Amino acid sequence: MKISEDKIFFLIIVIITYLNNRKNLRFGMKILAINCCLNGSSEEMSMIMEPFVSGLKEGGADVEVVNADKMFIQPCRACTGDSGYETDGKCKCDDDMQSLYPKFRESDIWVFASPVNDSSLAQDMINILDRMEPMFQPQIPQQDYVKKIKKNGKIAFLSTTVNYDKRSFTGAVNHFRAISKVFEREFAGAVLRPHAWAIKALNKIGVSSNDVFDAAKEAGKQLAVNGKIPSRIQKVVSRDLVPKKSFTNNLRKALV
């Protein structure tokens, strides 16, 4: 049976459209979430992390959560600083970090979760970030890499802090924006919860934070479906629970 040129052309268009739709389809993205907690901060992190991960799954993502406190990951030895260093694409430290490299490479989105206290990330998170260098060695981006970002995936940041002011997150957020550029990935947004430790206490005197948890879940869902976290949702997660001027007085009432 002879097929006309018009039908062949039509079939080619249908196939191209189908392949483009598959390429742009967001559902089913593979997401790796690295969860790092400082001593005593796991409960506050869990309050935000759990609904966020629930939203990721509701959005259809294939999610793997790695708890860094259960892994042995050594600090970076700064091997690349040696004049005779030659890379083979692997880190010289033989520990649990080796199991993370393939997970990073296979994931569409990386989510880094760490509390920020005294403007510092958890040490486990610092170790992991420092040890990611073999993933871009030996092709270290040049100084003009900012103009050549290929958007080979996404990076998101999730954090809590004991501090009232959300400006405590500024340094960490900028750090992950820079990391996104190094790995030629798009920074998809940050889910940040200041004075997280006060949530339970304030709830006792009727200060509701349900919208914060709902927004954390929606943030995960939006990341899984659309590949980014809308700024309006980020603002809800990080909103002031009570005005700063009355914060101390409200806590006193809650702790009586």
C-alpha atoms as a PDB file:
ATOM      1  CA  MET A   1       0.000   0.000   0.000  1.00  0.00           C
ATOM      2  CA  LYS A   2       1.402   3.342  -1.050  1.00  0.00           C
ATOM      3  CA  ILE A   3       1.228   6.164   1.498  1.00  0.00           C
ATOM      4  CA  SER A   4       0.880   9.688   0.164  1.00  0.00           C
ATOM      5  CA  GLU A   5       3.442  12.357   0.987  1.00  0.00           C
ATOM      6  CA  ASP A   6       0.758  14.332   2.854  1.00  0.00           C
ATOM      7  CA  LYS A   7       0.088  11.403   5.191  1.00  0.00           C
ATOM      8  CA  ILE A   8       3.791  10.848   5.793  1.00  0.00           C
ATOM      9  CA  PHE A   9       4.218  14.535   6.619  1.00  0.00           C
ATOM     10  CA  PHE A  10       1.216  14.377   8.968  1.00  0.00           C
ATOM     11  CA  LEU A  11       2.626  11.319  10.768  1.00  0.00           C
ATOM     12  CA  ILE A  12       5.996  13.043  11.208  1.00  0.00           C
ATOM     13  CA  ILE A  13       4.284  16.066  12.791  1.00  0.00           C
ATOM     14  CA  VAL A  14       2.313  13.802  15.147  1.00  0.00           C
ATOM     15  CA  ILE A  15       5.471  11.947  16.235  1.00  0.00           C
ATOM     16  CA  ILE A  16       7.432  15.178  16.789  1.00  0.00           C
ATOM     17  CA  THR A  17       4.570  16.652  18.835  1.00  0.00           C
ATOM     18  CA  TYR A  18       4.337  13.498  20.926  1.00  0.00           C
ATOM     19  CA  LEU A  19       8.072  13.475  21.637  1.00  0.00           C
ATOM     20  CA  ASN A  20       8.072  17.168  22.582  1.00  0.00           C
ATOM     21  CA  ASN A  21       5.160  16.616  24.955  1.00  0.00           C
ATOM     22  CA  ARG A  22       6.997  13.736  26.597  1.00  0.00           C
ATOM     23  CA  LYS A  23      10.089  15.891  26.954  1.00  0.00           C
ATOM     24  CA  ASN A  24       8.143  18.691  28.640  1.00  0.00           C
ATOM     25  CA  LEU A  25       6.044  16.432  30.820  1.00  0.00           C
ATOM     26  CA  ARG A  26       6.819  17.186  34.476  1.00  0.00           C
ATOM     27  CA  PHE A  27       5.016  14.333  36.210  1.00  0.00           C
ATOM     28  CA  GLY A  28       7.218  11.484  37.315  1.00  0.00           C
ATOM     29  CA  MET A  29      10.338  13.587  37.768  1.00  0.00           C
ATOM     30  CA  LYS A  30      12.962  11.974  39.946  1.00  0.00           C
ATOM     31  CA  ILE A  31      13.729  14.064  43.024  1.00  0.00           C
ATOM     32  CA  LEU A  32      16.551  13.538  45.502  1.00  0.00           C
ATOM     33  CA  ALA A  33      16.081  15.237  48.876  1.00  0.00           C
ATOM     34  CA  ILE A  34      19.111  15.478  51.164  1.00  0.00           C
ATOM     35  CA  ASN A  35      17.979  16.038  54.758  1.00  0.00           C
ATOM     36  CA  CYS A  36      20.572  17.363  57.217  1.00  0.00           C
ATOM     37  CA  CYS A  37      19.758  18.331  60.793  1.00  0.00           C
ATOM     38  CA  LEU A  38      21.748  19.941  63.564  1.00  0.00           C
ATOM     39  CA  ASN A  39      21.349  18.528  67.060  1.00  0.00           C
ATOM     40  CA  GLY A  40      17.920  19.410  68.442  1.00  0.00           C
ATOM     41  CA  SER A  41      16.555  20.812  65.186  1.00  0.00           C
ATOM     42  CA  SER A  42      15.056  17.640  63.710  1.00  0.00           C
ATOM     43  CA  GLU A  43      11.541  18.291  65.031  1.00  0.00           C
ATOM     44  CA  GLU A  44      11.381  21.793  63.552  1.00  0.00           C
ATOM     45  CA  MET A  45      12.747  20.565  60.230  1.00  0.00           C
ATOM     46  CA  SER A  46      10.281  17.670  60.161  1.00  0.00           C
ATOM     47  CA  MET A  47       7.338  20.055  60.584  1.00  0.00           C
ATOM     48  CA  ILE A  48       8.215  21.626  57.229  1.00  0.00           C
ATOM     49  CA  MET A  49       9.950  18.705  55.507  1.00  0.00           C
ATOM     50  CA  GLU A  50       7.135  16.171  55.923  1.00  0.00           C
ATOM     51  CA  PRO A  51       4.361  18.209  54.252  1.00  0.00           C
ATOM     52  CA  PHE A  52       6.822  19.330  51.570  1.00  0.00           C
ATOM     53  CA  VAL A  53       7.727  15.728  50.681  1.00  0.00           C
ATOM     54  CA  SER A  54       4.034  14.812  50.798  1.00  0.00           C
ATOM     55  CA  GLY A  55       3.403  17.539  48.217  1.00  0.00           C
ATOM     56  CA  LEU A  56       6.206  16.235  46.013  1.00  0.00           C
ATOM     57  CA  LYS A  57       4.625  12.798  45.974  1.00  0.00           C
ATOM     58  CA  GLU A  58       1.139  14.216  45.421  1.00  0.00           C
ATOM     59  CA  GLY A  59       2.577  16.021  42.406  1.00  0.00           C
ATOM     60  CA  GLY A  60       3.600  12.675  40.930  1.00  0.00           C
ATOM     61  CA  ALA A  61       7.331  12.810  41.648  1.00  0.00           C
ATOM     62  CA  ASP A  62       9.533   9.816  42.348  1.00  0.00           C
ATOM     63  CA  VAL A  63      11.064  11.003  45.642  1.00  0.00           C
ATOM     64  CA  GLU A  64      14.001   9.621  47.587  1.00  0.00           C
ATOM     65  CA  VAL A  65      14.845  11.199  50.946  1.00  0.00           C
ATOM     66  CA  VAL A  66      18.386  10.658  52.215  1.00  0.00           C
ATOM     67  CA  ASN A  67      19.001  11.371  55.910  1.00  0.00           C
ATOM     68  CA  ALA A  68      22.590  12.514  56.169  1.00  0.00           C
ATOM     69  CA  ASP A  69      22.799  11.843  59.915  1.00  0.00           C
ATOM     70  CA  LYS A  70      22.644   8.133  59.117  1.00  0.00           C
ATOM     71  CA  MET A  71      25.581   8.331  56.715  1.00  0.00           C
ATOM     72  CA  PHE A  72      29.323   8.562  57.206  1.00  0.00           C
ATOM     73  CA  ILE A  73      30.553  11.415  55.021  1.00  0.00           C
ATOM     74  CA  GLN A  74      33.991  12.845  55.717  1.00  0.00           C
ATOM     75  CA  PRO A  75      34.971  16.489  55.201  1.00  0.00           C
ATOM     76  CA  CYS A  76      36.605  17.378  51.894  1.00  0.00           C
ATOM     77  CA  ARG A  77      40.392  16.913  51.838  1.00  0.00           C
ATOM     78  CA  ALA A  78      40.860  19.644  49.196  1.00  0.00           C
ATOM     79  CA  CYS A  79      42.708  17.212  46.908  1.00  0.00           C
ATOM     80  CA  THR A  80      42.231  19.473  43.881  1.00  0.00           C
ATOM     81  CA  GLY A  81      44.438  22.077  45.521  1.00  0.00           C
ATOM     82  CA  ASP A  82      47.486  19.837  45.105  1.00  0.00           C
ATOM     83  CA  SER A  83      49.680  20.748  42.131  1.00  0.00           C
ATOM     84  CA  GLY A  84      49.940  17.112  41.035  1.00  0.00           C
ATOM     85  CA  TYR A  85      46.207  16.353  41.303  1.00  0.00           C
ATOM     86  CA  GLU A  86      44.679  14.322  38.496  1.00  0.00           C
ATOM     87  CA  THR A  87      40.992  13.504  38.482  1.00  0.00           C
ATOM     88  CA  ASP A  88      39.354  10.235  37.527  1.00  0.00           C
ATOM     89  CA  GLY A  89      35.887  11.608  38.209  1.00  0.00           C
ATOM     90  CA  LYS A  90      35.732  10.041  41.674  1.00  0.00           C
ATOM     91  CA  CYS A  91      36.348  11.415  45.143  1.00  0.00           C
ATOM     92  CA  LYS A  92      39.402  10.060  46.937  1.00  0.00           C
ATOM     93  CA  CYS A  93      37.465   9.616  50.202  1.00  0.00           C
ATOM     94  CA  ASP A  94      35.954   6.134  50.341  1.00  0.00           C
ATOM     95  CA  ASP A  95      32.788   6.581  52.406  1.00  0.00           C
ATOM     96  CA  ASP A  96      29.002   6.854  52.041  1.00  0.00           C
ATOM     97  CA  MET A  97      29.293   9.843  49.726  1.00  0.00           C
ATOM     98  CA  GLN A  98      30.181   7.403  46.959  1.00  0.00           C
ATOM     99  CA  SER A  99      26.606   6.088  47.046  1.00  0.00           C
ATOM    100  CA  LEU A 100      25.198   9.593  46.534  1.00  0.00           C
ATOM    101  CA  TYR A 101      27.003  10.431  43.286  1.00  0.00           C
ATOM    102  CA  PRO A 102      24.832   8.170  41.075  1.00  0.00           C
ATOM    103  CA  LYS A 103      21.694   9.400  42.861  1.00  0.00           C
ATOM    104  CA  PHE A 104      22.597  13.005  42.084  1.00  0.00           C
ATOM    105  CA  ARG A 105      23.340  12.192  38.459  1.00  0.00           C
ATOM    106  CA  GLU A 106      20.054  10.338  37.985  1.00  0.00           C
ATOM    107  CA  SER A 107      17.803  12.962  39.617  1.00  0.00           C
ATOM    108  CA  ASP A 108      15.998  15.791  37.834  1.00  0.00           C
ATOM    109  CA  ILE A 109      15.689  17.896  40.987  1.00  0.00           C
ATOM    110  CA  TRP A 110      17.962  18.176  44.010  1.00  0.00           C
ATOM    111  CA  VAL A 111      16.403  19.369  47.266  1.00  0.00           C
ATOM    112  CA  PHE A 112      18.797  20.362  50.030  1.00  0.00           C
ATOM    113  CA  ALA A 113      17.275  20.608  53.522  1.00  0.00           C
ATOM    114  CA  SER A 114      19.283  22.015  56.408  1.00  0.00           C
ATOM    115  CA  PRO A 115      18.594  24.283  59.368  1.00  0.00           C
ATOM    116  CA  VAL A 116      20.434  27.599  59.443  1.00  0.00           C
ATOM    117  CA  ASN A 117      21.559  28.776  62.856  1.00  0.00           C
ATOM    118  CA  ASP A 118      24.193  31.480  63.392  1.00  0.00           C
ATOM    119  CA  SER A 119      24.149  31.823  59.582  1.00  0.00           C
ATOM    120  CA  SER A 120      25.642  28.323  59.214  1.00  0.00           C
ATOM    121  CA  LEU A 121      24.392  25.196  57.484  1.00  0.00           C
ATOM    122  CA  ALA A 122      24.561  21.840  59.238  1.00  0.00           C
ATOM    123  CA  GLN A 123      28.065  20.341  59.073  1.00  0.00           C
ATOM    124  CA  ASP A 124      26.734  17.268  57.260  1.00  0.00           C
ATOM    125  CA  MET A 125      25.387  19.551  54.540  1.00  0.00           C
ATOM    126  CA  ILE A 126      28.697  21.416  54.267  1.00  0.00           C
ATOM    127  CA  ASN A 127      30.543  18.097  53.876  1.00  0.00           C
ATOM    128  CA  ILE A 128      28.165  16.927  51.146  1.00  0.00           C
ATOM    129  CA  LEU A 129      28.346  20.183  49.181  1.00  0.00           C
ATOM    130  CA  ASP A 130      32.139  20.256  49.388  1.00  0.00           C
ATOM    131  CA  ARG A 131      32.352  16.645  48.259  1.00  0.00           C
ATOM    132  CA  MET A 132      30.244  17.239  45.126  1.00  0.00           C
ATOM    133  CA  GLU A 133      33.245  18.608  43.230  1.00  0.00           C
ATOM    134  CA  PRO A 134      33.976  15.311  41.382  1.00  0.00           C
ATOM    135  CA  MET A 135      30.621  15.743  39.647  1.00  0.00           C
ATOM    136  CA  PHE A 136      31.912  18.691  37.633  1.00  0.00           C
ATOM    137  CA  GLN A 137      35.624  17.860  37.524  1.00  0.00           C
ATOM    138  CA  PRO A 138      37.513  18.077  35.245  1.00  0.00           C
ATOM    139  CA  GLN A 139      35.095  20.287  33.289  1.00  0.00           C
ATOM    140  CA  ILE A 140      35.048  23.145  35.797  1.00  0.00           C
ATOM    141  CA  PRO A 141      32.836  25.970  34.432  1.00  0.00           C
ATOM    142  CA  GLN A 142      34.688  29.006  33.124  1.00  0.00           C
ATOM    143  CA  GLN A 143      34.042  32.536  34.359  1.00  0.00           C
ATOM    144  CA  ASP A 144      31.458  33.132  31.657  1.00  0.00           C
ATOM    145  CA  TYR A 145      29.420  30.082  32.700  1.00  0.00           C
ATOM    146  CA  VAL A 146      26.581  32.320  33.934  1.00  0.00           C
ATOM    147  CA  LYS A 147      25.747  33.166  30.321  1.00  0.00           C
ATOM    148  CA  LYS A 148      25.777  29.507  29.280  1.00  0.00           C
ATOM    149  CA  ILE A 149      23.508  27.849  31.840  1.00  0.00           C
ATOM    150  CA  LYS A 150      21.780  24.939  30.133  1.00  0.00           C
ATOM    151  CA  LYS A 151      19.209  24.353  32.903  1.00  0.00           C
ATOM    152  CA  ASN A 152      20.135  20.680  33.294  1.00  0.00           C
ATOM    153  CA  GLY A 153      17.716  20.200  36.168  1.00  0.00           C
ATOM    154  CA  LYS A 154      16.663  22.103  39.270  1.00  0.00           C
ATOM    155  CA  ILE A 155      17.864  22.834  42.791  1.00  0.00           C
ATOM    156  CA  ALA A 156      15.652  23.823  45.735  1.00  0.00           C
ATOM    157  CA  PHE A 157      16.489  24.698  49.334  1.00  0.00           C
ATOM    158  CA  LEU A 158      14.444  24.009  52.474  1.00  0.00           C
ATOM    159  CA  SER A 159      15.398  25.372  55.877  1.00  0.00           C
ATOM    160  CA  THR A 160      14.379  26.474  59.364  1.00  0.00           C
ATOM    161  CA  THR A 161      16.055  28.766  61.865  1.00  0.00           C
ATOM    162  CA  VAL A 162      15.634  29.643  65.534  1.00  0.00           C
ATOM    163  CA  ASN A 163      15.993  33.327  64.652  1.00  0.00           C
ATOM    164  CA  TYR A 164      12.944  35.529  64.247  1.00  0.00           C
ATOM    165  CA  ASP A 165      14.182  37.352  61.169  1.00  0.00           C
ATOM    166  CA  LYS A 166      14.085  35.506  57.840  1.00  0.00           C
ATOM    167  CA  ARG A 167      17.078  37.530  56.712  1.00  0.00           C
ATOM    168  CA  SER A 168      19.087  34.876  58.574  1.00  0.00           C
ATOM    169  CA  PHE A 169      18.647  32.710  55.467  1.00  0.00           C
ATOM    170  CA  THR A 170      20.158  35.207  53.018  1.00  0.00           C
ATOM    171  CA  GLY A 171      23.695  33.796  53.000  1.00  0.00           C
ATOM    172  CA  ALA A 172      22.533  30.187  52.639  1.00  0.00           C
ATOM    173  CA  VAL A 173      20.080  31.002  49.837  1.00  0.00           C
ATOM    174  CA  ASN A 174      22.773  32.892  47.932  1.00  0.00           C
ATOM    175  CA  HIS A 175      25.076  29.905  48.422  1.00  0.00           C
ATOM    176  CA  PHE A 176      22.592  27.544  46.788  1.00  0.00           C
ATOM    177  CA  ARG A 177      21.968  30.003  43.967  1.00  0.00           C
ATOM    178  CA  ALA A 178      25.710  29.922  43.288  1.00  0.00           C
ATOM    179  CA  ILE A 179      25.755  26.117  43.448  1.00  0.00           C
ATOM    180  CA  SER A 180      22.926  26.037  40.902  1.00  0.00           C
ATOM    181  CA  LYS A 181      25.083  28.029  38.489  1.00  0.00           C
ATOM    182  CA  VAL A 182      28.101  25.785  39.016  1.00  0.00           C
ATOM    183  CA  PHE A 183      26.066  22.678  38.180  1.00  0.00           C
ATOM    184  CA  GLU A 184      24.207  24.456  35.370  1.00  0.00           C
ATOM    185  CA  ARG A 185      20.883  23.930  37.095  1.00  0.00           C
ATOM    186  CA  GLU A 186      18.021  26.330  37.701  1.00  0.00           C
ATOM    187  CA  PHE A 187      17.362  27.518  41.249  1.00  0.00           C
ATOM    188  CA  ALA A 188      13.697  26.601  41.718  1.00  0.00           C
ATOM    189  CA  GLY A 189      13.077  28.398  45.018  1.00  0.00           C
ATOM    190  CA  ALA A 190      13.457  28.170  48.778  1.00  0.00           C
ATOM    191  CA  VAL A 191      11.076  27.020  51.506  1.00  0.00           C
ATOM    192  CA  LEU A 192      12.154  28.906  54.620  1.00  0.00           C
ATOM    193  CA  ARG A 193      10.627  28.894  58.114  1.00  0.00           C
ATOM    194  CA  PRO A 194      12.017  31.437  60.625  1.00  0.00           C
ATOM    195  CA  HIS A 195      11.450  31.063  64.417  1.00  0.00           C
ATOM    196  CA  ALA A 196      10.266  27.511  63.746  1.00  0.00           C
ATOM    197  CA  TRP A 197      10.864  26.470  67.359  1.00  0.00           C
ATOM    198  CA  ALA A 198       8.038  28.792  68.489  1.00  0.00           C
ATOM    199  CA  ILE A 199       5.308  27.231  66.344  1.00  0.00           C
ATOM    200  CA  LYS A 200       4.149  24.645  68.908  1.00  0.00           C
ATOM    201  CA  ALA A 201       4.288  27.121  71.791  1.00  0.00           C
ATOM    202  CA  LEU A 202       2.298  29.777  69.939  1.00  0.00           C
ATOM    203  CA  ASN A 203      -0.293  27.210  68.874  1.00  0.00           C
ATOM    204  CA  LYS A 204      -1.123  26.748  72.560  1.00  0.00           C
ATOM    205  CA  ILE A 205      -2.406  30.321  72.783  1.00  0.00           C
ATOM    206  CA  GLY A 206      -4.383  30.126  69.559  1.00  0.00           C
ATOM    207  CA  VAL A 207      -1.811  31.374  67.051  1.00  0.00           C
ATOM    208  CA  SER A 208      -2.535  29.179  64.043  1.00  0.00           C
ATOM    209  CA  SER A 209       0.161  28.054  61.641  1.00  0.00           C
ATOM    210  CA  ASN A 210      -1.910  25.641  59.549  1.00  0.00           C
ATOM    211  CA  ASP A 211      -1.506  27.837  56.481  1.00  0.00           C
ATOM    212  CA  VAL A 212       2.284  27.498  56.836  1.00  0.00           C
ATOM    213  CA  PHE A 213       2.124  23.710  56.678  1.00  0.00           C
ATOM    214  CA  ASP A 214      -0.415  23.801  53.834  1.00  0.00           C
ATOM    215  CA  ALA A 215       1.885  26.118  51.913  1.00  0.00           C
ATOM    216  CA  ALA A 216       4.872  23.814  52.522  1.00  0.00           C
ATOM    217  CA  LYS A 217       2.886  20.959  51.005  1.00  0.00           C
ATOM    218  CA  GLU A 218       1.800  23.112  48.068  1.00  0.00           C
ATOM    219  CA  ALA A 219       5.421  24.159  47.553  1.00  0.00           C
ATOM    220  CA  GLY A 220       6.390  20.518  47.097  1.00  0.00           C
ATOM    221  CA  LYS A 221       3.507  19.875  44.735  1.00  0.00           C
ATOM    222  CA  GLN A 222       4.325  22.919  42.601  1.00  0.00           C
ATOM    223  CA  LEU A 223       7.973  21.903  42.414  1.00  0.00           C
ATOM    224  CA  ALA A 224       7.020  18.408  41.237  1.00  0.00           C
ATOM    225  CA  VAL A 225       4.445  19.596  38.695  1.00  0.00           C
ATOM    226  CA  ASN A 226       5.880  22.876  37.400  1.00  0.00           C
ATOM    227  CA  GLY A 227       9.540  22.668  38.355  1.00  0.00           C
ATOM    228  CA  LYS A 228       9.493  25.780  40.546  1.00  0.00           C
ATOM    229  CA  ILE A 229       8.110  27.124  43.820  1.00  0.00           C
ATOM    230  CA  PRO A 230       5.992  30.273  43.315  1.00  0.00           C
ATOM    231  CA  SER A 231       7.104  33.271  45.373  1.00  0.00           C
ATOM    232  CA  ARG A 232       3.608  33.708  46.837  1.00  0.00           C
ATOM    233  CA  ILE A 233       3.852  30.245  48.401  1.00  0.00           C
ATOM    234  CA  GLN A 234       7.360  30.908  49.677  1.00  0.00           C
ATOM    235  CA  LYS A 235       6.065  34.047  51.409  1.00  0.00           C
ATOM    236  CA  VAL A 236       3.317  32.127  53.224  1.00  0.00           C
ATOM    237  CA  VAL A 237       5.772  29.538  54.565  1.00  0.00           C
ATOM    238  CA  SER A 238       8.080  32.235  55.914  1.00  0.00           C
ATOM    239  CA  ARG A 239       5.440  34.700  57.164  1.00  0.00           C
ATOM    240  CA  ASP A 240       5.676  36.175  60.675  1.00  0.00           C
ATOM    241  CA  LEU A 241       3.568  34.127  63.089  1.00  0.00           C
ATOM    242  CA  VAL A 242       3.074  37.231  65.232  1.00  0.00           C
ATOM    243  CA  PRO A 243       4.443  40.774  64.883  1.00  0.00           C
ATOM    244  CA  LYS A 244       8.016  41.139  66.095  1.00  0.00           C
ATOM    245  CA  LYS A 245       7.034  43.744  68.714  1.00  0.00           C
ATOM    246  CA  SER A 246       4.662  41.319  70.428  1.00  0.00           C
ATOM    247  CA  PHE A 247       6.667  38.144  69.826  1.00  0.00           C
ATOM    248  CA  THR A 248       8.281  38.006  73.283  1.00  0.00           C
ATOM    249  CA  ASN A 249       5.036  38.767  75.121  1.00  0.00           C
ATOM    250  CA  ASN A 250       3.170  36.068  73.169  1.00  0.00           C
ATOM    251  CA  LEU A 251       5.854  33.523  74.003  1.00  0.00           C
ATOM    252  CA  ARG A 252       5.652  34.360  77.680  1.00  0.00           C
ATOM    253  CA  LYS A 253       1.923  33.676  77.608  1.00  0.00           C
ATOM    254  CA  ALA A 254       2.483  30.415  75.759  1.00  0.00           C
ATOM    255  CA  LEU A 255       5.171  29.177  78.135  1.00  0.00           C
ATOM    256  CA  VAL A 256       3.295  29.965  81.370  1.00  0.00           C
END
